[in-house]
Amino acid sequence: DANPNGQTFFLLPGRYTGPHNSNLTLQNGGYTLSLAPGVTGSSRAIIDCELQRPGFVLRTGPHTIRNVTMERCRRISPDNGAATGPHGGCLQISNAFTVLEGVNLTNCEADGDGGAIWMRSNSAEIRDTVVVSSSAGQRGGGLFIAAAYSSVEGSSEFRDNSAADGGSSIYAGDRNPADGATVEVIEPSVVPKGPPGTQCEANRGQVLLKSVRGGETLDNLCENEGGDEDDDDDDDDDDDAQRALCAVGGLPRGGGAHRGKAAQVARAQAALPPRTAANGARRMLPAGASRAAAGRRRWSP
């Protein structure tokens, strides 16, 4: 069970493997999982599921994952955890405002929808995040989104992903009327245009390229593949309506209020001992590292 007040966890650089570092559910509070402050250069904290386990289920947030790499996470059918079906190899997100910032998702797999990310009934900000070489047995190799809204901002990029049933990078919307979804790709983020890279459920989803200045719609990335193909003014009107339709449990859309609130860092309590560092945030060591080497008390998985 997660702490309803949320917790902050800092990861030291290194590779985190084994069953205590993946296939976890984060819920009932605001969590943030982040690379430890003060780490410089190209050092990364890498959560490696070893193609043996899925990544995380995120529910009832808000949650933030920042400057972390997740790789080789695989969700298969039948799923033996708290997940909703075999969807979302790295991240399965529902009913939780979520920020992904500086995250790398690579070589993620799902038997169902959302090879890297599966998102339903929530809103999200995907910022400076790379989703690459991930695959879905159904739709959305990089991202599957339904009944939800997400922005893709900064230097984010979706590339080299695949999906058996469409949307190798992004698939927006689902079959039911309540499953409409909008993705706003804000320049200079890079998402493929049109099929097979970006696809939308007919009359249910839209993926719009937006200007970083002024927010006007520049292009419909689902053009000729299910998305709304009206003029820019209509796109903006439809987008406003979509945000309203996607409001779930009072979760706000967009980043202003939440960028500050997303300052708490996340991880399931089952993953490490119940101790807290002096600053109130937990610190973790990758496999094989010693506490003596860290120079202060930190926590290993």
C-alpha atoms as a PDB file:
ATOM      1  CA  ASP A   1       0.000   0.000   0.000  1.00  0.00           C
ATOM      2  CA  ALA A   2       1.223   3.468  -0.825  1.00  0.00           C
ATOM      3  CA  ASN A   3       1.475   6.333   1.617  1.00  0.00           C
ATOM      4  CA  PRO A   4      -1.540   8.602   0.918  1.00  0.00           C
ATOM      5  CA  ASN A   5       0.681  11.654   1.411  1.00  0.00           C
ATOM      6  CA  GLY A   6       3.116  10.494  -1.238  1.00  0.00           C
ATOM      7  CA  GLN A   7       6.866  10.122  -0.943  1.00  0.00           C
ATOM      8  CA  THR A   8      10.056  11.273  -2.597  1.00  0.00           C
ATOM      9  CA  PHE A   9      12.712   8.798  -3.724  1.00  0.00           C
ATOM     10  CA  PHE A  10      16.065   9.720  -5.229  1.00  0.00           C
ATOM     11  CA  LEU A  11      18.009   7.178  -7.248  1.00  0.00           C
ATOM     12  CA  LEU A  12      21.783   7.197  -7.461  1.00  0.00           C
ATOM     13  CA  PRO A  13      23.254   6.508 -10.903  1.00  0.00           C
ATOM     14  CA  GLY A  14      23.432   2.843 -11.843  1.00  0.00           C
ATOM     15  CA  ARG A  15      21.359  -0.081 -13.043  1.00  0.00           C
ATOM     16  CA  TYR A  16      18.450  -1.336 -10.940  1.00  0.00           C
ATOM     17  CA  THR A  17      17.440  -4.930 -11.607  1.00  0.00           C
ATOM     18  CA  GLY A  18      15.502  -7.712  -9.917  1.00  0.00           C
ATOM     19  CA  PRO A  19      11.873  -8.155  -8.843  1.00  0.00           C
ATOM     20  CA  HIS A  20      11.948  -5.411  -6.180  1.00  0.00           C
ATOM     21  CA  ASN A  21      12.657  -2.690  -8.727  1.00  0.00           C
ATOM     22  CA  SER A  22       9.866  -3.352 -11.242  1.00  0.00           C
ATOM     23  CA  ASN A  23       6.324  -4.705 -11.501  1.00  0.00           C
ATOM     24  CA  LEU A  24       5.260  -2.181  -8.842  1.00  0.00           C
ATOM     25  CA  THR A  25       2.002  -0.285  -8.268  1.00  0.00           C
ATOM     26  CA  LEU A  26       2.151   3.362  -7.141  1.00  0.00           C
ATOM     27  CA  GLN A  27      -1.192   4.707  -5.963  1.00  0.00           C
ATOM     28  CA  ASN A  28      -3.172   6.682  -3.363  1.00  0.00           C
ATOM     29  CA  GLY A  29      -0.895   9.672  -3.274  1.00  0.00           C
ATOM     30  CA  GLY A  30       1.679  11.790  -5.022  1.00  0.00           C
ATOM     31  CA  TYR A  31       4.927  10.002  -5.775  1.00  0.00           C
ATOM     32  CA  THR A  32       8.020  11.165  -7.607  1.00  0.00           C
ATOM     33  CA  LEU A  33      10.886   8.962  -8.727  1.00  0.00           C
ATOM     34  CA  SER A  34      13.951  10.978  -9.686  1.00  0.00           C
ATOM     35  CA  LEU A  35      17.665  10.906 -10.284  1.00  0.00           C
ATOM     36  CA  ALA A  36      19.361  12.193  -7.127  1.00  0.00           C
ATOM     37  CA  PRO A  37      20.059  15.941  -6.951  1.00  0.00           C
ATOM     38  CA  GLY A  38      23.596  17.027  -7.762  1.00  0.00           C
ATOM     39  CA  VAL A  39      24.295  14.240 -10.250  1.00  0.00           C
ATOM     40  CA  THR A  40      26.042  15.752 -13.260  1.00  0.00           C
ATOM     41  CA  GLY A  41      27.099  14.651 -16.712  1.00  0.00           C
ATOM     42  CA  SER A  42      25.518  11.750 -18.544  1.00  0.00           C
ATOM     43  CA  SER A  43      24.990   9.543 -15.473  1.00  0.00           C
ATOM     44  CA  ARG A  44      21.570   7.868 -15.404  1.00  0.00           C
ATOM     45  CA  ALA A  45      19.513   5.739 -13.072  1.00  0.00           C
ATOM     46  CA  ILE A  46      18.377   2.777 -15.192  1.00  0.00           C
ATOM     47  CA  ILE A  47      15.481   0.529 -14.202  1.00  0.00           C
ATOM     48  CA  ASP A  48      16.096  -2.655 -16.161  1.00  0.00           C
ATOM     49  CA  CYS A  49      13.193  -5.130 -16.140  1.00  0.00           C
ATOM     50  CA  GLU A  50      15.355  -7.668 -18.026  1.00  0.00           C
ATOM     51  CA  LEU A  51      12.387  -8.613 -20.262  1.00  0.00           C
ATOM     52  CA  GLN A  52      11.096 -10.624 -17.309  1.00  0.00           C
ATOM     53  CA  ARG A  53       8.717  -8.126 -15.677  1.00  0.00           C
ATOM     54  CA  PRO A  54       6.629  -5.049 -16.498  1.00  0.00           C
ATOM     55  CA  GLY A  55       7.461  -1.608 -15.179  1.00  0.00           C
ATOM     56  CA  PHE A  56       5.039   0.426 -13.034  1.00  0.00           C
ATOM     57  CA  VAL A  57       1.295   0.838 -12.643  1.00  0.00           C
ATOM     58  CA  LEU A  58       0.446   4.449 -11.705  1.00  0.00           C
ATOM     59  CA  ARG A  59      -2.959   5.239 -10.201  1.00  0.00           C
ATOM     60  CA  THR A  60      -4.645   8.069  -8.280  1.00  0.00           C
ATOM     61  CA  GLY A  61      -1.682  10.463  -8.350  1.00  0.00           C
ATOM     62  CA  PRO A  62      -0.345  12.973  -9.074  1.00  0.00           C
ATOM     63  CA  HIS A  63       2.915  11.222  -9.929  1.00  0.00           C
ATOM     64  CA  THR A  64       6.218  12.331 -11.436  1.00  0.00           C
ATOM     65  CA  ILE A  65       9.093  10.388 -12.974  1.00  0.00           C
ATOM     66  CA  ARG A  66      12.130  12.539 -13.724  1.00  0.00           C
ATOM     67  CA  ASN A  67      15.524  11.854 -15.346  1.00  0.00           C
ATOM     68  CA  VAL A  68      15.172   8.074 -15.162  1.00  0.00           C
ATOM     69  CA  THR A  69      15.627   5.411 -17.853  1.00  0.00           C
ATOM     70  CA  MET A  70      13.315   2.392 -18.008  1.00  0.00           C
ATOM     71  CA  GLU A  71      14.244  -0.390 -20.373  1.00  0.00           C
ATOM     72  CA  ARG A  72      13.346  -3.958 -21.338  1.00  0.00           C
ATOM     73  CA  CYS A  73      10.048  -3.872 -19.426  1.00  0.00           C
ATOM     74  CA  ARG A  74       7.501  -6.375 -20.703  1.00  0.00           C
ATOM     75  CA  ARG A  75       3.834  -6.844 -19.807  1.00  0.00           C
ATOM     76  CA  ILE A  76       2.396 -10.085 -21.103  1.00  0.00           C
ATOM     77  CA  SER A  77      -0.929 -11.898 -20.995  1.00  0.00           C
ATOM     78  CA  PRO A  78      -2.072 -13.120 -18.574  1.00  0.00           C
ATOM     79  CA  ASP A  79      -0.825 -10.381 -16.270  1.00  0.00           C
ATOM     80  CA  ASN A  80      -0.210 -11.483 -12.691  1.00  0.00           C
ATOM     81  CA  GLY A  81      -0.292  -8.084 -11.003  1.00  0.00           C
ATOM     82  CA  ALA A  82      -2.698  -5.216 -10.331  1.00  0.00           C
ATOM     83  CA  ALA A  83      -2.643  -4.064 -13.936  1.00  0.00           C
ATOM     84  CA  THR A  84      -5.608  -3.655 -16.267  1.00  0.00           C
ATOM     85  CA  GLY A  85      -4.832  -6.329 -18.819  1.00  0.00           C
ATOM     86  CA  PRO A  86      -1.584  -6.834 -20.747  1.00  0.00           C
ATOM     87  CA  HIS A  87      -1.154  -3.136 -21.572  1.00  0.00           C
ATOM     88  CA  GLY A  88       1.710  -0.692 -20.978  1.00  0.00           C
ATOM     89  CA  GLY A  89       5.045  -2.471 -20.915  1.00  0.00           C
ATOM     90  CA  CYS A  90       6.898   0.281 -19.044  1.00  0.00           C
ATOM     91  CA  LEU A  91       4.038   2.382 -17.641  1.00  0.00           C
ATOM     92  CA  GLN A  92       0.333   1.722 -17.197  1.00  0.00           C
ATOM     93  CA  ILE A  93      -1.359   4.947 -16.048  1.00  0.00           C
ATOM     94  CA  SER A  94      -4.985   5.462 -15.018  1.00  0.00           C
ATOM     95  CA  ASN A  95      -6.871   8.112 -13.019  1.00  0.00           C
ATOM     96  CA  ALA A  96      -3.611   9.874 -12.204  1.00  0.00           C
ATOM     97  CA  PHE A  97      -2.192  13.187 -13.388  1.00  0.00           C
ATOM     98  CA  THR A  98       1.352  12.227 -14.400  1.00  0.00           C
ATOM     99  CA  VAL A  99       4.486  14.116 -15.397  1.00  0.00           C
ATOM    100  CA  LEU A 100       7.273  12.356 -17.307  1.00  0.00           C
ATOM    101  CA  GLU A 101      10.291  14.644 -17.531  1.00  0.00           C
ATOM    102  CA  GLY A 102      13.676  13.707 -18.959  1.00  0.00           C
ATOM    103  CA  VAL A 103      12.618  10.049 -19.106  1.00  0.00           C
ATOM    104  CA  ASN A 104      13.972   7.480 -21.568  1.00  0.00           C
ATOM    105  CA  LEU A 105      11.734   4.488 -22.337  1.00  0.00           C
ATOM    106  CA  THR A 106      13.416   1.929 -24.542  1.00  0.00           C
ATOM    107  CA  ASN A 107      12.780  -1.651 -25.649  1.00  0.00           C
ATOM    108  CA  CYS A 108       9.462  -1.840 -23.792  1.00  0.00           C
ATOM    109  CA  GLU A 109       6.918  -4.490 -24.834  1.00  0.00           C
ATOM    110  CA  ALA A 110       3.223  -5.195 -24.236  1.00  0.00           C
ATOM    111  CA  ASP A 111       1.073  -8.005 -25.559  1.00  0.00           C
ATOM    112  CA  GLY A 112      -1.869  -5.572 -25.689  1.00  0.00           C
ATOM    113  CA  ASP A 113      -1.953  -1.785 -26.248  1.00  0.00           C
ATOM    114  CA  GLY A 114       0.791   0.668 -25.373  1.00  0.00           C
ATOM    115  CA  GLY A 115       4.188  -0.950 -25.780  1.00  0.00           C
ATOM    116  CA  ALA A 116       5.867   1.720 -23.639  1.00  0.00           C
ATOM    117  CA  ILE A 117       2.939   3.729 -22.164  1.00  0.00           C
ATOM    118  CA  TRP A 118      -0.756   2.907 -21.737  1.00  0.00           C
ATOM    119  CA  MET A 119      -2.843   5.830 -20.517  1.00  0.00           C
ATOM    120  CA  ARG A 120      -6.571   6.003 -19.689  1.00  0.00           C
ATOM    121  CA  SER A 121      -8.821   8.394 -17.725  1.00  0.00           C
ATOM    122  CA  ASN A 122      -6.110  10.864 -16.813  1.00  0.00           C
ATOM    123  CA  SER A 123      -4.019  13.767 -18.039  1.00  0.00           C
ATOM    124  CA  ALA A 124      -0.271  13.891 -18.503  1.00  0.00           C
ATOM    125  CA  GLU A 125       2.707  16.022 -19.450  1.00  0.00           C
ATOM    126  CA  ILE A 126       5.442  14.243 -21.386  1.00  0.00           C
ATOM    127  CA  ARG A 127       8.427  16.573 -21.390  1.00  0.00           C
ATOM    128  CA  ASP A 128      11.967  16.072 -22.780  1.00  0.00           C
ATOM    129  CA  THR A 129      11.230  12.353 -22.964  1.00  0.00           C
ATOM    130  CA  VAL A 130      12.397   9.807 -25.553  1.00  0.00           C
ATOM    131  CA  VAL A 131      10.310   6.721 -26.374  1.00  0.00           C
ATOM    132  CA  VAL A 132      12.214   4.403 -28.678  1.00  0.00           C
ATOM    133  CA  SER A 133      12.341   0.798 -29.938  1.00  0.00           C
ATOM    134  CA  SER A 134       9.168  -0.253 -28.118  1.00  0.00           C
ATOM    135  CA  SER A 135       6.429  -2.534 -29.453  1.00  0.00           C
ATOM    136  CA  ALA A 136       2.775  -3.421 -28.883  1.00  0.00           C
ATOM    137  CA  GLY A 137       0.944  -6.590 -29.839  1.00  0.00           C
ATOM    138  CA  GLN A 138      -2.082  -4.410 -30.546  1.00  0.00           C
ATOM    139  CA  ARG A 139      -2.072  -0.566 -30.831  1.00  0.00           C
ATOM    140  CA  GLY A 140       0.323   2.211 -29.883  1.00  0.00           C
ATOM    141  CA  GLY A 141       3.901   0.964 -29.785  1.00  0.00           C
ATOM    142  CA  GLY A 142       5.078   4.104 -27.980  1.00  0.00           C
ATOM    143  CA  LEU A 143       1.847   5.423 -26.463  1.00  0.00           C
ATOM    144  CA  PHE A 144      -1.769   4.307 -26.354  1.00  0.00           C
ATOM    145  CA  ILE A 145      -4.145   6.919 -24.923  1.00  0.00           C
ATOM    146  CA  ALA A 146      -7.930   6.845 -24.401  1.00  0.00           C
ATOM    147  CA  ALA A 147     -10.369   8.994 -22.387  1.00  0.00           C
ATOM    148  CA  ALA A 148      -7.394  11.219 -21.637  1.00  0.00           C
ATOM    149  CA  TYR A 149      -5.326  14.268 -22.585  1.00  0.00           C
ATOM    150  CA  SER A 150      -1.552  14.532 -22.862  1.00  0.00           C
ATOM    151  CA  SER A 151       0.946  17.119 -24.004  1.00  0.00           C
ATOM    152  CA  VAL A 152       4.281  16.159 -25.568  1.00  0.00           C
ATOM    153  CA  GLU A 153       6.716  18.998 -24.966  1.00  0.00           C
ATOM    154  CA  GLY A 154      10.324  20.170 -25.119  1.00  0.00           C
ATOM    155  CA  SER A 155      12.793  17.837 -26.796  1.00  0.00           C
ATOM    156  CA  SER A 156      10.527  14.778 -26.626  1.00  0.00           C
ATOM    157  CA  GLU A 157      10.791  12.227 -29.425  1.00  0.00           C
ATOM    158  CA  PHE A 158       8.936   9.069 -30.459  1.00  0.00           C
ATOM    159  CA  ARG A 159      10.823   6.910 -32.994  1.00  0.00           C
ATOM    160  CA  ASP A 160      11.580   3.364 -34.128  1.00  0.00           C
ATOM    161  CA  ASN A 161       8.528   1.913 -32.382  1.00  0.00           C
ATOM    162  CA  SER A 162       6.099  -0.683 -33.766  1.00  0.00           C
ATOM    163  CA  ALA A 163       2.538  -1.928 -33.246  1.00  0.00           C
ATOM    164  CA  ALA A 164       0.727  -4.837 -34.880  1.00  0.00           C
ATOM    165  CA  ASP A 165      -2.642  -3.052 -35.141  1.00  0.00           C
ATOM    166  CA  GLY A 166      -1.657   0.545 -35.850  1.00  0.00           C
ATOM    167  CA  GLY A 167       0.013   3.593 -34.378  1.00  0.00           C
ATOM    168  CA  SER A 168       3.602   2.444 -34.172  1.00  0.00           C
ATOM    169  CA  SER A 169       4.414   5.532 -32.094  1.00  0.00           C
ATOM    170  CA  ILE A 170       1.018   6.881 -30.919  1.00  0.00           C
ATOM    171  CA  TYR A 171      -2.560   5.601 -31.068  1.00  0.00           C
ATOM    172  CA  ALA A 172      -5.210   8.025 -29.740  1.00  0.00           C
ATOM    173  CA  GLY A 173      -8.818   7.169 -28.850  1.00  0.00           C
ATOM    174  CA  ASP A 174     -10.757   3.939 -28.522  1.00  0.00           C
ATOM    175  CA  ARG A 175     -14.063   2.505 -29.719  1.00  0.00           C
ATOM    176  CA  ASN A 176     -16.522   3.783 -27.110  1.00  0.00           C
ATOM    177  CA  PRO A 177     -17.913   7.351 -27.217  1.00  0.00           C
ATOM    178  CA  ALA A 178     -16.350   8.156 -23.835  1.00  0.00           C
ATOM    179  CA  ASP A 179     -12.896   7.076 -25.018  1.00  0.00           C
ATOM    180  CA  GLY A 180     -11.938  10.249 -26.884  1.00  0.00           C
ATOM    181  CA  ALA A 181      -8.351  11.387 -26.511  1.00  0.00           C
ATOM    182  CA  THR A 182      -6.232  14.387 -27.464  1.00  0.00           C
ATOM    183  CA  VAL A 183      -2.448  14.583 -27.700  1.00  0.00           C
ATOM    184  CA  GLU A 184      -0.852  18.013 -28.224  1.00  0.00           C
ATOM    185  CA  VAL A 185       2.654  17.744 -29.660  1.00  0.00           C
ATOM    186  CA  ILE A 186       4.327  21.096 -28.998  1.00  0.00           C
ATOM    187  CA  GLU A 187       7.269  22.065 -31.165  1.00  0.00           C
ATOM    188  CA  PRO A 188      10.106  21.101 -31.304  1.00  0.00           C
ATOM    189  CA  SER A 189       9.008  17.645 -30.088  1.00  0.00           C
ATOM    190  CA  VAL A 190       9.129  15.002 -32.829  1.00  0.00           C
ATOM    191  CA  VAL A 191       6.298  12.547 -33.520  1.00  0.00           C
ATOM    192  CA  PRO A 192       5.716  10.808 -36.886  1.00  0.00           C
ATOM    193  CA  LYS A 193       2.910  12.185 -39.047  1.00  0.00           C
ATOM    194  CA  GLY A 194       0.167   9.846 -40.204  1.00  0.00           C
ATOM    195  CA  PRO A 195       0.114   6.084 -40.417  1.00  0.00           C
ATOM    196  CA  PRO A 196       1.802   3.905 -39.524  1.00  0.00           C
ATOM    197  CA  GLY A 197       3.528   6.164 -36.989  1.00  0.00           C
ATOM    198  CA  THR A 198       0.540   8.110 -35.631  1.00  0.00           C
ATOM    199  CA  GLN A 199      -3.037   6.852 -35.875  1.00  0.00           C
ATOM    200  CA  CYS A 200      -6.343   7.823 -34.291  1.00  0.00           C
ATOM    201  CA  GLU A 201      -9.630   6.061 -33.697  1.00  0.00           C
ATOM    202  CA  ALA A 202     -12.165   7.576 -36.112  1.00  0.00           C
ATOM    203  CA  ASN A 203     -14.043  10.473 -34.444  1.00  0.00           C
ATOM    204  CA  ARG A 204     -12.497   9.584 -31.088  1.00  0.00           C
ATOM    205  CA  GLY A 205      -8.885  10.733 -31.152  1.00  0.00           C
ATOM    206  CA  GLN A 206      -6.667  13.545 -32.357  1.00  0.00           C
ATOM    207  CA  VAL A 207      -2.924  14.214 -32.313  1.00  0.00           C
ATOM    208  CA  LEU A 208      -2.215  17.878 -33.037  1.00  0.00           C
ATOM    209  CA  LEU A 209       1.083  19.623 -33.728  1.00  0.00           C
ATOM    210  CA  LYS A 210       1.095  22.939 -31.840  1.00  0.00           C
ATOM    211  CA  SER A 211       3.285  26.010 -32.033  1.00  0.00           C
ATOM    212  CA  VAL A 212       5.465  26.623 -29.013  1.00  0.00           C
ATOM    213  CA  ARG A 213       4.519  30.297 -29.333  1.00  0.00           C
ATOM    214  CA  GLY A 214       0.846  31.058 -29.119  1.00  0.00           C
ATOM    215  CA  GLY A 215      -0.283  27.446 -29.133  1.00  0.00           C
ATOM    216  CA  GLU A 216      -1.968  27.560 -32.538  1.00  0.00           C
ATOM    217  CA  THR A 217      -2.530  24.285 -34.351  1.00  0.00           C
ATOM    218  CA  LEU A 218       0.038  23.769 -37.120  1.00  0.00           C
ATOM    219  CA  ASP A 219      -0.878  20.293 -38.324  1.00  0.00           C
ATOM    220  CA  ASN A 220      -3.075  17.279 -37.714  1.00  0.00           C
ATOM    221  CA  LEU A 221      -0.684  14.363 -37.263  1.00  0.00           C
ATOM    222  CA  CYS A 222      -3.558  11.886 -37.679  1.00  0.00           C
ATOM    223  CA  GLU A 223      -4.540  13.389 -41.035  1.00  0.00           C
ATOM    224  CA  ASN A 224      -6.456  10.891 -43.188  1.00  0.00           C
ATOM    225  CA  GLU A 225      -6.421   8.407 -40.339  1.00  0.00           C
ATOM    226  CA  GLY A 226      -9.328   9.068 -37.997  1.00  0.00           C
ATOM    227  CA  GLY A 227      -8.429  12.482 -36.600  1.00  0.00           C
ATOM    228  CA  ASP A 228     -10.415  15.684 -37.077  1.00  0.00           C
ATOM    229  CA  GLU A 229      -9.409  17.250 -40.401  1.00  0.00           C
ATOM    230  CA  ASP A 230     -11.193  20.593 -40.086  1.00  0.00           C
ATOM    231  CA  ASP A 231      -9.468  23.958 -40.127  1.00  0.00           C
ATOM    232  CA  ASP A 232      -7.232  25.235 -37.335  1.00  0.00           C
ATOM    233  CA  ASP A 233      -9.953  27.201 -35.538  1.00  0.00           C
ATOM    234  CA  ASP A 234     -12.126  24.119 -35.373  1.00  0.00           C
ATOM    235  CA  ASP A 235      -9.172  22.088 -34.107  1.00  0.00           C
ATOM    236  CA  ASP A 236      -8.670  24.552 -31.269  1.00  0.00           C
ATOM    237  CA  ASP A 237     -12.372  24.481 -30.396  1.00  0.00           C
ATOM    238  CA  ASP A 238     -12.428  20.689 -30.457  1.00  0.00           C
ATOM    239  CA  ASP A 239      -9.304  20.584 -28.302  1.00  0.00           C
ATOM    240  CA  ASP A 240     -10.920  22.755 -25.635  1.00  0.00           C
ATOM    241  CA  ALA A 241     -13.941  20.455 -25.654  1.00  0.00           C
ATOM    242  CA  GLN A 242     -11.684  17.415 -25.427  1.00  0.00           C
ATOM    243  CA  ARG A 243      -9.959  18.783 -22.350  1.00  0.00           C
ATOM    244  CA  ALA A 244     -13.365  19.172 -20.695  1.00  0.00           C
ATOM    245  CA  LEU A 245     -14.401  15.647 -21.669  1.00  0.00           C
ATOM    246  CA  CYS A 246     -11.136  14.270 -20.322  1.00  0.00           C
ATOM    247  CA  ALA A 247     -11.554  15.802 -16.863  1.00  0.00           C
ATOM    248  CA  VAL A 248     -11.486  12.811 -14.527  1.00  0.00           C
ATOM    249  CA  GLY A 249     -11.868  13.170 -10.800  1.00  0.00           C
ATOM    250  CA  GLY A 250     -11.097  16.883 -10.939  1.00  0.00           C
ATOM    251  CA  LEU A 251      -7.607  16.403 -12.346  1.00  0.00           C
ATOM    252  CA  PRO A 252      -6.360  19.654 -13.901  1.00  0.00           C
ATOM    253  CA  ARG A 253      -5.146  19.893 -17.481  1.00  0.00           C
ATOM    254  CA  GLY A 254      -1.885  21.515 -18.402  1.00  0.00           C
ATOM    255  CA  GLY A 255       1.141  22.155 -16.294  1.00  0.00           C
ATOM    256  CA  GLY A 256       0.950  25.425 -14.433  1.00  0.00           C
ATOM    257  CA  ALA A 257      -0.471  24.323 -11.105  1.00  0.00           C
ATOM    258  CA  HIS A 258       0.979  20.876 -11.267  1.00  0.00           C
ATOM    259  CA  ARG A 259       4.564  21.582 -12.190  1.00  0.00           C
ATOM    260  CA  GLY A 260       5.155  22.749  -8.644  1.00  0.00           C
ATOM    261  CA  LYS A 261       3.059  20.027  -7.085  1.00  0.00           C
ATOM    262  CA  ALA A 262       4.877  17.325  -8.983  1.00  0.00           C
ATOM    263  CA  ALA A 263       7.904  17.900  -6.739  1.00  0.00           C
ATOM    264  CA  GLN A 264       7.439  14.671  -4.737  1.00  0.00           C
ATOM    265  CA  VAL A 265       9.239  11.563  -5.888  1.00  0.00           C
ATOM    266  CA  ALA A 266       7.719   8.096  -6.289  1.00  0.00           C
ATOM    267  CA  ARG A 267       8.264   4.524  -5.457  1.00  0.00           C
ATOM    268  CA  ALA A 268       6.282   1.639  -3.967  1.00  0.00           C
ATOM    269  CA  GLN A 269       7.101   0.887  -0.321  1.00  0.00           C
ATOM    270  CA  ALA A 270       7.491  -2.769  -1.100  1.00  0.00           C
ATOM    271  CA  ALA A 271      10.577  -1.952  -3.116  1.00  0.00           C
ATOM    272  CA  LEU A 272      12.820  -0.907  -0.240  1.00  0.00           C
ATOM    273  CA  PRO A 273      13.140  -0.863   3.564  1.00  0.00           C
ATOM    274  CA  PRO A 274      10.966   1.507   5.602  1.00  0.00           C
ATOM    275  CA  ARG A 275      13.667   4.015   6.502  1.00  0.00           C
ATOM    276  CA  THR A 276      13.984   7.683   5.660  1.00  0.00           C
ATOM    277  CA  ALA A 277      17.099   9.766   5.010  1.00  0.00           C
ATOM    278  CA  ALA A 278      17.758  12.951   6.955  1.00  0.00           C
ATOM    279  CA  ASN A 279      16.229  15.163   4.293  1.00  0.00           C
ATOM    280  CA  GLY A 280      12.942  13.245   4.312  1.00  0.00           C
ATOM    281  CA  ALA A 281      13.540  11.696   0.885  1.00  0.00           C
ATOM    282  CA  ARG A 282      14.709   8.154   0.325  1.00  0.00           C
ATOM    283  CA  ARG A 283      17.896   7.456  -1.551  1.00  0.00           C
ATOM    284  CA  MET A 284      18.594   4.191  -3.290  1.00  0.00           C
ATOM    285  CA  LEU A 285      21.664   2.396  -4.546  1.00  0.00           C
ATOM    286  CA  PRO A 286      21.880   0.319  -7.697  1.00  0.00           C
ATOM    287  CA  ALA A 287      22.706  -3.368  -7.511  1.00  0.00           C
ATOM    288  CA  GLY A 288      26.253  -4.027  -6.321  1.00  0.00           C
ATOM    289  CA  ALA A 289      26.887  -0.611  -4.776  1.00  0.00           C
ATOM    290  CA  SER A 290      27.913  -0.263  -1.120  1.00  0.00           C
ATOM    291  CA  ARG A 291      26.682   2.253   1.437  1.00  0.00           C
ATOM    292  CA  ALA A 292      30.263   3.022   2.425  1.00  0.00           C
ATOM    293  CA  ALA A 293      31.024   4.012  -1.136  1.00  0.00           C
ATOM    294  CA  ALA A 294      28.103   6.406  -1.110  1.00  0.00           C
ATOM    295  CA  GLY A 295      29.658   8.399   1.744  1.00  0.00           C
ATOM    296  CA  ARG A 296      26.392   8.743   3.677  1.00  0.00           C
ATOM    297  CA  ARG A 297      23.406   6.653   4.665  1.00  0.00           C
ATOM    298  CA  ARG A 298      21.414   5.680   1.605  1.00  0.00           C
ATOM    299  CA  TRP A 299      19.084   2.852   0.810  1.00  0.00           C
ATOM    300  CA  SER A 300      19.653  -0.050  -1.521  1.00  0.00           C
ATOM    301  CA  PRO A 301      16.870  -1.963  -3.252  1.00  0.00           C
END
